[in-house]
Amino acid sequence: MKRIHVSEDIRLREGFEEFVIESDRDLDLSISSSGTCQAFFRIHHAKSLRIRAHVERNSEVSLVFWNEGHAKLTADESYEVNENAHLSVAHGECSGGETERNIYVALREKKARAEILSASLINEKKSYRMNVVNFAPKTYGEMRNFAVVLSEGKLMIDAVGKIVKGARGSVSHQTSRAMSFAPGQNTTILPELLIDENDVEASHAMSIGRVDDEQLYYMMSRGLTMKQCTALISAGYLMPVADVLENEEIRTALRSELERKIESL
């Protein structure tokens, strides 16, 4: 495990790597890679994060950013994906502070692919702005956002998928879902598709609502408390963020952390 205290240029190696971000500074991280790489970034603290990543041709890169700090975090992220490369980026939010995150993904060359995923436990103000742009033919972009909004939480998601003129045969999909356990949640989701080409596939789906009372009743009739039901449902709803990584130890640890965090709230 490597600790990051200052701005760095990170060259990912083949296989799995783990990092801890802990700094009182504004950090600039430049990430490059080739081959098949997986990296897990645990964010303890940073004044702000500026991430620039370049995914080389024929690479397969998976990145998970797990924010568990208690201070406000501002993150600005930009990803360039080249020919026949595949990028997966997942953001896990279980922090006790506000978060502002801006994400820009450019599918620069043909057959580039990118999947952007967020899974958030919302008990503070969280604001996400995401842009995935298909610049080349036969590129694929997808955004998936899942959130559990607690009584004090406020969520805003602005997700934009864009296919430019000339990006024939490209795909842009997005799904955003927010769930709560009580009425009156404060959630705004703005799905947008900007399409300048005819020969494409594009879609968006969005849902905001409460968990089914019958589901809760069924679980409680089997001996679970309301707190246990809430933790289990929320953890299952948010766990896709860990599936980006193949490391089973990390996935198990993240599920346990989620359940503990939900129960404490």
Protein backbone atom coordinates (compact mmCIF):
# COMPACT_ATOMS: atom_id res chain seq x y z
CA MET A 1 0.00 0.00 0.00
CA LYS A 2 1.39 3.39 -0.99
CA ARG A 3 0.51 6.63 0.83
CA ILE A 4 0.06 9.82 -1.18
CA HIS A 5 0.82 13.11 0.60
CA VAL A 6 1.89 15.32 -2.31
CA SER A 7 1.11 15.68 -6.02
CA GLU A 8 2.45 12.75 -8.01
CA ASP A 9 2.75 11.13 -11.42
CA ILE A 10 1.49 7.56 -11.00
CA ARG A 11 2.40 4.87 -13.49
CA LEU A 12 0.19 1.87 -12.76
CA ARG A 13 1.73 -1.58 -13.02
CA GLU A 14 0.07 -4.75 -14.25
CA GLY A 15 -2.17 -6.31 -11.60
CA PHE A 16 -3.60 -4.74 -8.43
CA GLU A 17 -2.30 -1.75 -6.44
CA GLU A 18 -3.63 0.06 -3.38
CA PHE A 19 -3.15 3.71 -2.42
CA VAL A 20 -4.12 5.92 0.54
CA ILE A 21 -4.63 9.65 -0.09
CA GLU A 22 -3.94 11.69 3.03
CA SER A 23 -2.92 15.32 2.72
CA ASP A 24 -3.83 18.87 3.74
CA ARG A 25 -2.80 20.13 0.29
CA ASP A 26 -4.39 20.57 -3.10
CA LEU A 27 -3.25 17.44 -4.91
CA ASP A 28 -2.61 16.89 -8.62
CA LEU A 29 -2.46 13.23 -9.62
CA SER A 30 -1.44 12.19 -13.12
CA ILE A 31 -2.27 8.52 -13.81
CA SER A 32 -1.01 6.53 -16.78
CA SER A 33 -1.12 2.83 -17.53
CA SER A 34 -0.74 0.09 -20.08
CA GLY A 35 -1.82 -3.53 -20.03
CA THR A 36 -4.33 -4.73 -17.42
CA CYS A 37 -4.31 -2.64 -14.23
CA GLN A 38 -6.53 -2.32 -11.16
CA ALA A 39 -6.08 0.35 -8.49
CA PHE A 40 -7.92 1.13 -5.26
CA PHE A 41 -7.60 4.67 -3.84
CA ARG A 42 -8.78 5.16 -0.26
CA ILE A 43 -9.34 8.89 0.38
CA HIS A 44 -8.77 9.86 4.01
CA HIS A 45 -8.27 13.55 3.45
CA ALA A 46 -7.38 16.04 0.74
CA LYS A 47 -8.07 19.74 0.41
CA SER A 48 -8.87 19.12 -3.26
CA LEU A 49 -8.08 16.52 -5.90
CA ARG A 50 -7.22 17.10 -9.53
CA ILE A 51 -6.91 13.82 -11.43
CA ARG A 52 -5.73 13.43 -15.01
CA ALA A 53 -5.60 9.91 -16.43
CA HIS A 54 -4.47 8.61 -19.80
CA VAL A 55 -5.52 5.10 -20.84
CA GLU A 56 -3.25 3.83 -23.58
CA ARG A 57 -4.31 1.76 -26.57
CA ASN A 58 -5.38 -1.84 -25.89
CA SER A 59 -5.27 -1.30 -22.11
CA GLU A 60 -7.83 -2.38 -19.52
CA VAL A 61 -7.84 -0.14 -16.45
CA SER A 62 -10.09 -0.26 -13.37
CA LEU A 63 -9.97 2.51 -10.74
CA VAL A 64 -11.96 2.73 -7.49
CA PHE A 65 -11.96 5.92 -5.39
CA TRP A 66 -13.36 5.28 -1.90
CA ASN A 67 -14.00 8.54 -0.01
CA GLU A 68 -14.28 8.05 3.74
CA GLY A 69 -13.06 11.44 4.98
CA HIS A 70 -15.00 13.89 7.13
CA ALA A 71 -13.98 17.17 5.50
CA LYS A 72 -15.35 18.73 2.32
CA LEU A 73 -13.81 17.28 -0.84
CA THR A 74 -13.65 18.97 -4.24
CA ALA A 75 -12.52 16.70 -7.07
CA ASP A 76 -11.94 17.48 -10.73
CA GLU A 77 -11.27 14.42 -12.90
CA SER A 78 -10.42 14.00 -16.58
CA TYR A 79 -9.90 10.72 -18.43
CA GLU A 80 -8.63 10.17 -21.98
CA VAL A 81 -9.38 6.73 -23.45
CA ASN A 82 -7.64 5.64 -26.63
CA GLU A 83 -8.17 2.98 -29.29
CA ASN A 84 -9.53 -0.37 -28.13
CA ALA A 85 -8.93 0.59 -24.47
CA HIS A 86 -11.36 -0.09 -21.64
CA LEU A 87 -11.68 2.17 -18.59
CA SER A 88 -13.81 1.50 -15.49
CA VAL A 89 -13.97 4.20 -12.80
CA ALA A 90 -16.01 3.75 -9.61
CA HIS A 91 -16.59 6.27 -6.83
CA GLY A 92 -17.71 5.10 -3.40
CA GLU A 93 -18.97 7.87 -1.13
CA CYS A 94 -19.49 7.16 2.55
CA SER A 95 -17.85 10.31 3.86
CA GLY A 96 -19.23 12.61 6.53
CA GLY A 97 -18.44 15.78 4.60
CA GLU A 98 -19.70 17.55 1.50
CA THR A 99 -18.48 16.40 -1.89
CA GLU A 100 -18.29 18.22 -5.21
CA ARG A 101 -17.11 16.02 -8.06
CA ASN A 102 -16.66 16.94 -11.74
CA ILE A 103 -15.86 14.10 -14.14
CA TYR A 104 -14.99 14.37 -17.82
CA VAL A 105 -14.35 11.31 -20.00
CA ALA A 106 -13.17 11.58 -23.61
CA LEU A 107 -13.49 8.49 -25.81
CA ARG A 108 -10.86 9.72 -28.25
CA GLU A 109 -10.25 6.82 -30.61
CA LYS A 110 -12.32 4.04 -32.18
CA LYS A 111 -13.54 1.19 -29.98
CA ALA A 112 -12.67 3.02 -26.77
CA ARG A 113 -14.91 2.05 -23.84
CA ALA A 114 -15.62 3.70 -20.48
CA GLU A 115 -17.94 2.86 -17.61
CA ILE A 116 -18.40 5.39 -14.80
CA LEU A 117 -20.08 4.22 -11.59
CA SER A 118 -20.96 5.98 -8.36
CA ALA A 119 -22.39 4.49 -5.17
CA SER A 120 -23.15 7.02 -2.45
CA LEU A 121 -24.45 7.06 1.09
CA ILE A 122 -25.82 10.59 1.33
CA ASN A 123 -25.97 12.26 4.74
CA GLU A 124 -24.46 15.58 3.60
CA LYS A 125 -24.57 17.62 0.40
CA LYS A 126 -23.17 15.70 -2.58
CA SER A 127 -22.95 17.19 -6.08
CA TYR A 128 -21.80 15.20 -9.13
CA ARG A 129 -21.37 16.51 -12.65
CA MET A 130 -20.44 13.90 -15.24
CA ASN A 131 -19.67 14.22 -18.95
CA VAL A 132 -18.87 11.27 -21.20
CA VAL A 133 -18.15 12.27 -24.81
CA ASN A 134 -17.92 9.87 -27.76
CA PHE A 135 -15.47 11.49 -30.19
CA ALA A 136 -14.69 8.49 -32.40
CA PRO A 137 -16.69 5.75 -34.19
CA LYS A 138 -17.75 2.58 -32.37
CA THR A 139 -17.03 3.94 -28.91
CA TYR A 140 -19.00 2.99 -25.81
CA GLY A 141 -19.84 5.15 -22.79
CA GLU A 142 -21.97 4.28 -19.78
CA MET A 143 -22.78 6.02 -16.49
CA ARG A 144 -24.43 4.27 -13.54
CA ASN A 145 -25.25 6.10 -10.31
CA PHE A 146 -26.75 4.59 -7.15
CA ALA A 147 -27.48 6.49 -3.94
CA VAL A 148 -29.11 5.95 -0.57
CA VAL A 149 -30.27 9.35 0.66
CA LEU A 150 -30.63 9.76 4.43
CA SER A 151 -32.77 12.37 6.18
CA GLU A 152 -30.04 15.05 6.31
CA GLY A 153 -28.69 14.33 2.83
CA LYS A 154 -28.93 16.39 -0.34
CA LEU A 155 -27.99 14.91 -3.73
CA MET A 156 -27.57 16.49 -7.15
CA ILE A 157 -26.49 14.52 -10.22
CA ASP A 158 -26.03 16.17 -13.62
CA ALA A 159 -25.10 13.44 -16.10
CA VAL A 160 -24.41 14.30 -19.75
CA GLY A 161 -23.76 11.78 -22.50
CA LYS A 162 -22.64 13.30 -25.82
CA ILE A 163 -22.01 11.70 -29.21
CA VAL A 164 -20.38 14.09 -31.66
CA LYS A 165 -20.87 14.21 -35.42
CA GLY A 166 -18.89 11.43 -37.08
CA ALA A 167 -18.89 9.03 -34.10
CA ARG A 168 -20.92 6.46 -36.02
CA GLY A 169 -21.93 3.20 -34.37
CA SER A 170 -21.32 4.60 -30.90
CA VAL A 171 -23.25 3.89 -27.69
CA SER A 172 -24.15 6.17 -24.75
CA HIS A 173 -26.18 4.85 -21.80
CA GLN A 174 -26.87 6.19 -18.34
CA THR A 175 -28.83 5.04 -15.29
CA SER A 176 -29.31 6.97 -12.03
CA ARG A 177 -31.27 5.65 -9.04
CA ALA A 178 -31.75 7.20 -5.60
CA MET A 179 -33.45 5.41 -2.70
CA SER A 180 -34.55 6.58 0.74
CA PHE A 181 -36.19 5.05 3.82
CA ALA A 182 -38.32 8.07 4.70
CA PRO A 183 -40.36 10.69 2.82
CA GLY A 184 -39.00 14.11 1.93
CA GLN A 185 -35.60 13.20 0.50
CA ASN A 186 -33.79 16.04 -1.27
CA THR A 187 -32.65 14.64 -4.61
CA THR A 188 -32.21 16.16 -8.06
CA ILE A 189 -31.14 14.06 -11.05
CA LEU A 190 -30.67 15.63 -14.49
CA PRO A 191 -30.04 13.04 -17.23
CA GLU A 192 -29.01 14.56 -20.58
CA LEU A 193 -28.23 13.13 -24.01
CA LEU A 194 -26.67 15.32 -26.70
CA ILE A 195 -26.62 13.41 -29.99
CA ASP A 196 -25.16 14.83 -33.23
CA GLU A 197 -25.03 11.55 -35.19
CA ASN A 198 -27.81 9.30 -36.52
CA ASP A 199 -26.22 5.85 -36.48
CA VAL A 200 -25.94 5.47 -32.67
CA GLU A 201 -27.55 3.86 -29.64
CA ALA A 202 -28.42 6.04 -26.63
CA SER A 203 -30.64 5.80 -23.56
CA HIS A 204 -31.15 7.12 -20.04
CA ALA A 205 -33.14 5.88 -17.04
CA MET A 206 -33.80 7.57 -13.70
CA SER A 207 -35.72 6.71 -10.54
CA ILE A 208 -36.18 8.40 -7.14
CA GLY A 209 -38.22 6.79 -4.39
CA ARG A 210 -38.60 5.03 -1.06
CA VAL A 211 -37.79 1.43 -0.31
CA ASP A 212 -40.81 -0.88 -0.51
CA ASP A 213 -42.59 -1.13 2.87
CA GLU A 214 -43.60 -4.73 2.13
CA GLN A 215 -39.96 -5.67 1.67
CA LEU A 216 -39.11 -4.16 5.04
CA TYR A 217 -42.05 -5.92 6.71
CA TYR A 218 -41.03 -9.27 5.24
CA MET A 219 -37.45 -8.93 6.49
CA MET A 220 -38.55 -7.82 9.96
CA SER A 221 -40.98 -10.73 10.15
CA ARG A 222 -37.91 -12.97 9.86
CA GLY A 223 -36.42 -11.49 13.02
CA LEU A 224 -34.32 -8.58 11.70
CA THR A 225 -34.46 -5.14 13.29
CA MET A 226 -35.17 -2.01 11.25
CA LYS A 227 -31.52 -1.01 11.61
CA GLN A 228 -30.37 -4.39 10.26
CA CYS A 229 -32.84 -4.20 7.36
CA THR A 230 -31.69 -0.72 6.45
CA ALA A 231 -28.02 -1.73 6.54
CA LEU A 232 -28.51 -4.88 4.45
CA ILE A 233 -30.66 -3.22 1.78
CA SER A 234 -28.40 -0.19 1.50
CA ALA A 235 -25.21 -2.23 1.33
CA GLY A 236 -26.65 -4.46 -1.40
CA TYR A 237 -27.84 -1.39 -3.31
CA LEU A 238 -24.42 0.29 -3.21
CA MET A 239 -22.08 -2.69 -3.54
CA PRO A 240 -21.74 -2.63 -7.36
CA VAL A 241 -18.98 -0.06 -6.75
CA ALA A 242 -16.75 -2.86 -5.48
CA ASP A 243 -17.45 -5.19 -8.38
CA VAL A 244 -15.16 -3.07 -10.56
CA LEU A 245 -12.26 -4.79 -8.81
CA GLU A 246 -11.49 -8.50 -8.90
CA ASN A 247 -9.89 -8.40 -5.44
CA GLU A 248 -12.26 -10.39 -3.19
CA GLU A 249 -10.58 -9.18 0.00
CA ILE A 250 -11.26 -5.56 -0.90
CA ARG A 251 -14.88 -6.32 -1.85
CA THR A 252 -15.55 -8.04 1.48
CA ALA A 253 -13.94 -5.20 3.44
CA LEU A 254 -15.97 -2.54 1.61
CA ARG A 255 -19.26 -4.36 2.29
CA SER A 256 -18.43 -4.55 6.01
CA GLU A 257 -17.50 -0.86 6.07
CA LEU A 258 -20.73 0.10 4.37
CA GLU A 259 -22.85 -1.89 6.80
CA ARG A 260 -21.06 -0.40 9.82
CA LYS A 261 -21.35 3.12 8.45
CA ILE A 262 -25.07 2.76 7.72
CA GLU A 263 -25.79 1.31 11.17
CA SER A 264 -23.90 4.17 12.83
CA LEU A 265 -26.03 6.71 10.99
